């Protein structure tokens, strides 16, 4: 069952025959099709095997 929520309120749901994605890819600093390059600096990127709760997000220096 696919469910879509906005601010914790169910907006819709549908029965789906979901198939897992194959091997993935990522692109940092540009779109996957290599247009619209980012002209700044990426300070840090982190990947986790599961979704994090907000209190598990890493703290940036100078943040509260």
PDB file of N, CA and C in Angstrom:
ATOM      1  N   UNK A   1       0.849  -1.174   0.000  1.00  0.00           N
ATOM      2  CA  UNK A   1       0.000   0.000   0.000  1.00  0.00           C
ATOM      3  C   UNK A   1       0.894   1.237   0.000  1.00  0.00           C
ATOM      4  N   UNK A   2       0.679   2.135  -0.940  1.00  0.00           N
ATOM      5  CA  UNK A   2       1.390   3.414  -0.977  1.00  0.00           C
ATOM      6  C   UNK A   2       0.523   4.441  -0.269  1.00  0.00           C
ATOM      7  N   UNK A   3       1.130   5.183   0.638  1.00  0.00           N
ATOM      8  CA  UNK A   3       0.418   6.252   1.340  1.00  0.00           C
ATOM      9  C   UNK A   3       1.230   7.531   1.257  1.00  0.00           C
ATOM     10  N   UNK A   4       0.553   8.638   1.037  1.00  0.00           N
ATOM     11  CA  UNK A   4       1.203   9.945   0.948  1.00  0.00           C
ATOM     12  C   UNK A   4       0.662  10.845   2.058  1.00  0.00           C
ATOM     13  N   UNK A   5       1.597  11.407   2.836  1.00  0.00           N
ATOM     14  CA  UNK A   5       1.221  12.271   3.957  1.00  0.00           C
ATOM     15  C   UNK A   5       1.814  13.663   3.771  1.00  0.00           C
ATOM     16  N   UNK A   6       1.093  14.678   4.217  1.00  0.00           N
ATOM     17  CA  UNK A   6       1.593  16.053   4.282  1.00  0.00           C
ATOM     18  C   UNK A   6       1.353  16.532   5.698  1.00  0.00           C
ATOM     19  N   UNK A   7       2.433  16.898   6.386  1.00  0.00           N
ATOM     20  CA  UNK A   7       2.337  17.337   7.779  1.00  0.00           C
ATOM     21  C   UNK A   7       1.596  16.321   8.646  1.00  0.00           C
ATOM     22  N   UNK A   8       1.843  15.036   8.396  1.00  0.00           N
ATOM     23  CA  UNK A   8       1.244  13.986   9.205  1.00  0.00           C
ATOM     24  C   UNK A   8      -0.190  13.645   8.862  1.00  0.00           C
ATOM     25  N   UNK A   9      -0.767  14.307   7.852  1.00  0.00           N
ATOM     26  CA  UNK A   9      -2.154  14.062   7.458  1.00  0.00           C
ATOM     27  C   UNK A   9      -2.161  13.247   6.167  1.00  0.00           C
ATOM     28  N   UNK A  10      -2.875  12.120   6.174  1.00  0.00           N
ATOM     29  CA  UNK A  10      -2.960  11.269   4.999  1.00  0.00           C
ATOM     30  C   UNK A  10      -3.632  12.019   3.856  1.00  0.00           C
ATOM     31  N   UNK A  11      -2.956  12.127   2.717  1.00  0.00           N
ATOM     32  CA  UNK A  11      -3.498  12.829   1.551  1.00  0.00           C
ATOM     33  C   UNK A  11      -4.052  11.862   0.509  1.00  0.00           C
ATOM     34  N   UNK A  12      -3.561  10.635   0.507  1.00  0.00           N
ATOM     35  CA  UNK A  12      -4.052   9.657  -0.457  1.00  0.00           C
ATOM     36  C   UNK A  12      -3.338   8.337  -0.267  1.00  0.00           C
ATOM     37  N   UNK A  13      -3.934   7.295  -0.829  1.00  0.00           N
ATOM     38  CA  UNK A  13      -3.310   5.985  -0.775  1.00  0.00           C
ATOM     39  C   UNK A  13      -3.764   5.176  -1.981  1.00  0.00           C
ATOM     40  N   UNK A  14      -2.919   4.217  -2.379  1.00  0.00           N
ATOM     41  CA  UNK A  14      -3.233   3.373  -3.525  1.00  0.00           C
ATOM     42  C   UNK A  14      -2.493   2.052  -3.385  1.00  0.00           C
ATOM     43  N   UNK A  15      -3.108   0.986  -3.864  1.00  0.00           N
ATOM     44  CA  UNK A  15      -2.469  -0.320  -3.897  1.00  0.00           C
ATOM     45  C   UNK A  15      -1.510  -0.333  -5.083  1.00  0.00           C
ATOM     46  N   UNK A  16      -0.247  -0.657  -4.848  1.00  0.00           N
ATOM     47  CA  UNK A  16       0.745  -0.676  -5.910  1.00  0.00           C
ATOM     48  C   UNK A  16       1.455  -2.009  -5.965  1.00  0.00           C
ATOM     49  N   UNK A  17       1.802  -2.412  -7.170  1.00  0.00           N
ATOM     50  CA  UNK A  17       2.670  -3.574  -7.355  1.00  0.00           C
ATOM     51  C   UNK A  17       4.091  -3.020  -7.424  1.00  0.00           C
ATOM     52  N   UNK A  18       4.678  -2.742  -6.272  1.00  0.00           N
ATOM     53  CA  UNK A  18       5.984  -2.095  -6.191  1.00  0.00           C
ATOM     54  C   UNK A  18       7.099  -3.089  -6.436  1.00  0.00           C
ATOM     55  N   UNK A  19       8.018  -2.715  -7.304  1.00  0.00           N
ATOM     56  CA  UNK A  19       9.193  -3.538  -7.565  1.00  0.00           C
ATOM     57  C   UNK A  19      10.419  -2.780  -7.070  1.00  0.00           C
ATOM     58  N   UNK A  20      11.331  -3.449  -6.389  1.00  0.00           N
ATOM     59  CA  UNK A  20      12.527  -2.761  -5.899  1.00  0.00           C
ATOM     60  C   UNK A  20      13.353  -2.185  -7.039  1.00  0.00           C
ATOM     61  N   UNK A  21      14.019  -1.078  -6.744  1.00  0.00           N
ATOM     62  CA  UNK A  21      14.931  -0.475  -7.714  1.00  0.00           C
ATOM     63  C   UNK A  21      16.157  -1.357  -7.854  1.00  0.00           C
ATOM     64  N   UNK A  22      16.803  -1.262  -8.982  1.00  0.00           N
ATOM     65  CA  UNK A  22      18.064  -1.950  -9.189  1.00  0.00           C
ATOM     66  C   UNK A  22      19.190  -1.134  -8.572  1.00  0.00           C
ATOM     67  N   UNK A  23      20.410  -1.400  -8.957  1.00  0.00           N
ATOM     68  CA  UNK A  23      21.544  -0.626  -8.435  1.00  0.00           C
ATOM     69  C   UNK A  23      21.333   0.866  -8.700  1.00  0.00           C
ATOM     70  N   UNK A  24      21.666   1.670  -7.718  1.00  0.00           N
ATOM     71  CA  UNK A  24      21.431   3.101  -7.826  1.00  0.00           C
ATOM     72  C   UNK A  24      22.676   3.886  -8.189  1.00  0.00           C
ATOM     73  N   UNK A  25      22.489   5.170  -8.301  1.00  0.00           N
ATOM     74  CA  UNK A  25      23.581   6.093  -8.598  1.00  0.00           C
ATOM     75  C   UNK A  25      23.281   7.401  -7.891  1.00  0.00           C
ATOM     76  N   UNK A  26      24.305   8.190  -7.706  1.00  0.00           N
ATOM     77  CA  UNK A  26      24.127   9.509  -7.110  1.00  0.00           C
ATOM     78  C   UNK A  26      25.032  10.493  -7.821  1.00  0.00           C
ATOM     79  N   UNK A  27      24.677  11.752  -7.714  1.00  0.00           N
ATOM     80  CA  UNK A  27      25.469  12.804  -8.339  1.00  0.00           C
ATOM     81  C   UNK A  27      25.512  13.980  -7.382  1.00  0.00           C
ATOM     82  N   UNK A  28      26.695  14.427  -7.053  1.00  0.00           N
ATOM     83  CA  UNK A  28      26.855  15.561  -6.143  1.00  0.00           C
ATOM     84  C   UNK A  28      27.498  16.691  -6.926  1.00  0.00           C
ATOM     85  N   UNK A  29      26.825  17.812  -6.993  1.00  0.00           N
ATOM     86  CA  UNK A  29      27.370  18.978  -7.676  1.00  0.00           C
ATOM     87  C   UNK A  29      26.814  19.196  -9.072  1.00  0.00           C
ATOM     88  N   UNK A  30      26.012  18.271  -9.562  1.00  0.00           N
ATOM     89  CA  UNK A  30      25.347  18.438 -10.853  1.00  0.00           C
ATOM     90  C   UNK A  30      24.160  17.490 -10.914  1.00  0.00           C
ATOM     91  N   UNK A  31      23.259  17.760 -11.838  1.00  0.00           N
ATOM     92  CA  UNK A  31      22.154  16.832 -12.045  1.00  0.00           C
ATOM     93  C   UNK A  31      22.675  15.549 -12.674  1.00  0.00           C
ATOM     94  N   UNK A  32      21.899  14.504 -12.629  1.00  0.00           N
ATOM     95  CA  UNK A  32      22.343  13.213 -13.176  1.00  0.00           C
ATOM     96  C   UNK A  32      22.676  13.286 -14.664  1.00  0.00           C
ATOM     97  N   UNK A  33      22.043  14.234 -15.381  1.00  0.00           N
ATOM     98  CA  UNK A  33      22.331  14.359 -16.813  1.00  0.00           C
ATOM     99  C   UNK A  33      23.454  15.370 -17.089  1.00  0.00           C
ATOM    100  N   UNK A  34      24.183  15.750 -16.037  1.00  0.00           N
ATOM    101  CA  UNK A  34      25.375  16.606 -16.131  1.00  0.00           C
ATOM    102  C   UNK A  34      25.098  18.008 -16.693  1.00  0.00           C
ATOM    103  N   UNK A  35      23.948  18.579 -16.353  1.00  0.00           N
ATOM    104  CA  UNK A  35      23.660  19.974 -16.665  1.00  0.00           C
ATOM    105  C   UNK A  35      23.406  20.704 -15.355  1.00  0.00           C
ATOM    106  N   UNK A  36      23.459  22.019 -15.376  1.00  0.00           N
ATOM    107  CA  UNK A  36      23.242  22.868 -14.210  1.00  0.00           C
ATOM    108  C   UNK A  36      24.220  22.538 -13.086  1.00  0.00           C
ATOM    109  N   UNK A  37      25.494  22.670 -13.389  1.00  0.00           N
ATOM    110  CA  UNK A  37      26.527  22.384 -12.397  1.00  0.00           C
ATOM    111  C   UNK A  37      26.425  23.341 -11.220  1.00  0.00           C
ATOM    112  N   UNK A  38      26.637  22.828 -10.031  1.00  0.00           N
ATOM    113  CA  UNK A  38      26.658  23.614  -8.802  1.00  0.00           C
ATOM    114  C   UNK A  38      28.006  24.319  -8.726  1.00  0.00           C
ATOM    115  N   UNK A  39      27.989  25.629  -8.531  1.00  0.00           N
ATOM    116  CA  UNK A  39      29.229  26.408  -8.518  1.00  0.00           C
ATOM    117  C   UNK A  39      29.599  26.860  -7.112  1.00  0.00           C
ATOM    118  N   UNK A  40      29.353  26.039  -6.149  1.00  0.00           N
ATOM    119  CA  UNK A  40      29.688  26.357  -4.765  1.00  0.00           C
ATOM    120  C   UNK A  40      30.600  25.290  -4.203  1.00  0.00           C
ATOM    121  N   UNK A  41      30.459  25.049  -2.932  1.00  0.00           N
ATOM    122  CA  UNK A  41      31.277  24.037  -2.270  1.00  0.00           C
ATOM    123  C   UNK A  41      30.370  23.116  -1.473  1.00  0.00           C
ATOM    124  N   UNK A  42      30.602  21.819  -1.550  1.00  0.00           N
ATOM    125  CA  UNK A  42      29.884  20.842  -0.744  1.00  0.00           C
ATOM    126  C   UNK A  42      30.769  20.552   0.453  1.00  0.00           C
ATOM    127  N   UNK A  43      30.300  20.938   1.630  1.00  0.00           N
ATOM    128  CA  UNK A  43      31.118  20.773   2.831  1.00  0.00           C
ATOM    129  C   UNK A  43      31.135  19.338   3.315  1.00  0.00           C
ATOM    130  N   UNK A  44      29.971  18.688   3.259  1.00  0.00           N
ATOM    131  CA  UNK A  44      29.893  17.350   3.836  1.00  0.00           C
ATOM    132  C   UNK A  44      28.694  16.615   3.238  1.00  0.00           C
ATOM    133  N   UNK A  45      28.844  15.325   3.043  1.00  0.00           N
ATOM    134  CA  UNK A  45      27.735  14.467   2.617  1.00  0.00           C
ATOM    135  C   UNK A  45      27.786  13.199   3.456  1.00  0.00           C
ATOM    136  N   UNK A  46      26.634  12.781   3.938  1.00  0.00           N
ATOM    137  CA  UNK A  46      26.563  11.545   4.729  1.00  0.00           C
ATOM    138  C   UNK A  46      25.416  10.693   4.212  1.00  0.00           C
ATOM    139  N   UNK A  47      25.624   9.393   4.218  1.00  0.00           N
ATOM    140  CA  UNK A  47      24.618   8.457   3.767  1.00  0.00           C
ATOM    141  C   UNK A  47      24.394   7.429   4.866  1.00  0.00           C
ATOM    142  N   UNK A  48      23.149   7.053   5.082  1.00  0.00           N
ATOM    143  CA  UNK A  48      22.832   6.052   6.095  1.00  0.00           C
ATOM    144  C   UNK A  48      21.992   4.959   5.447  1.00  0.00           C
ATOM    145  N   UNK A  49      22.018   3.751   5.999  1.00  0.00           N
ATOM    146  CA  UNK A  49      21.232   2.660   5.427  1.00  0.00           C
ATOM    147  C   UNK A  49      19.745   2.727   5.788  1.00  0.00           C
ATOM    148  N   UNK A  50      19.359   3.721   6.586  1.00  0.00           N
ATOM    149  CA  UNK A  50      17.951   3.865   6.969  1.00  0.00           C
ATOM    150  C   UNK A  50      17.647   5.341   7.186  1.00  0.00           C
ATOM    151  N   UNK A  51      16.370   5.672   7.245  1.00  0.00           N
ATOM    152  CA  UNK A  51      15.963   7.044   7.501  1.00  0.00           C
ATOM    153  C   UNK A  51      16.306   7.429   8.938  1.00  0.00           C
ATOM    154  N   UNK A  52      16.725   8.666   9.150  1.00  0.00           N
ATOM    155  CA  UNK A  52      17.042   9.158  10.489  1.00  0.00           C
ATOM    156  C   UNK A  52      15.916  10.027  11.010  1.00  0.00           C
ATOM    157  N   UNK A  53      15.745  10.026  12.317  1.00  0.00           N
ATOM    158  CA  UNK A  53      14.823  10.971  12.940  1.00  0.00           C
ATOM    159  C   UNK A  53      15.560  12.308  13.067  1.00  0.00           C
ATOM    160  N   UNK A  54      14.850  13.422  13.174  1.00  0.00           N
ATOM    161  CA  UNK A  54      15.531  14.712  13.249  1.00  0.00           C
ATOM    162  C   UNK A  54      16.577  14.807  14.362  1.00  0.00           C
ATOM    163  N   UNK A  55      16.352  14.173  15.516  1.00  0.00           N
ATOM    164  CA  UNK A  55      17.337  14.263  16.596  1.00  0.00           C
ATOM    165  C   UNK A  55      18.603  13.448  16.296  1.00  0.00           C
ATOM    166  N   UNK A  56      18.563  12.604  15.266  1.00  0.00           N
ATOM    167  CA  UNK A  56      19.744  11.834  14.870  1.00  0.00           C
ATOM    168  C   UNK A  56      20.574  12.544  13.791  1.00  0.00           C
ATOM    169  N   UNK A  57      20.087  13.665  13.272  1.00  0.00           N
ATOM    170  CA  UNK A  57      20.839  14.403  12.260  1.00  0.00           C
ATOM    171  C   UNK A  57      22.133  14.911  12.874  1.00  0.00           C
ATOM    172  N   UNK A  58      23.225  14.886  12.129  1.00  0.00           N
ATOM    173  CA  UNK A  58      24.481  15.416  12.673  1.00  0.00           C
ATOM    174  C   UNK A  58      24.359  16.927  12.888  1.00  0.00           C
ATOM    175  N   UNK A  59      24.962  17.399  13.943  1.00  0.00           N
ATOM    176  CA  UNK A  59      24.949  18.830  14.262  1.00  0.00           C
ATOM    177  C   UNK A  59      26.078  19.528  13.510  1.00  0.00           C
ATOM    178  N   UNK A  60      25.749  20.643  12.888  1.00  0.00           N
ATOM    179  CA  UNK A  60      26.749  21.434  12.190  1.00  0.00           C
ATOM    180  C   UNK A  60      27.427  22.369  13.185  1.00  0.00           C
ATOM    181  N   UNK A  61      28.698  22.629  13.013  1.00  0.00           N
ATOM    182  CA  UNK A  61      29.380  23.569  13.923  1.00  0.00           C
ATOM    183  C   UNK A  61      28.671  24.914  13.953  1.00  0.00           C
ATOM    184  N   UNK A  62      28.458  25.423  15.144  1.00  0.00           N
ATOM    185  CA  UNK A  62      27.797  26.716  15.307  1.00  0.00           C
ATOM    186  C   UNK A  62      26.289  26.632  15.382  1.00  0.00           C
ATOM    187  N   UNK A  63      25.704  25.435  15.181  1.00  0.00           N
ATOM    188  CA  UNK A  63      24.249  25.317  15.277  1.00  0.00           C
ATOM    189  C   UNK A  63      23.858  24.927  16.692  1.00  0.00           C
ATOM    190  N   UNK A  64      22.612  25.169  17.044  1.00  0.00           N
ATOM    191  CA  UNK A  64      22.140  24.850  18.393  1.00  0.00           C
ATOM    192  C   UNK A  64      21.433  23.536  18.432  1.00  0.00           C
TER     193      UNK A  64
END
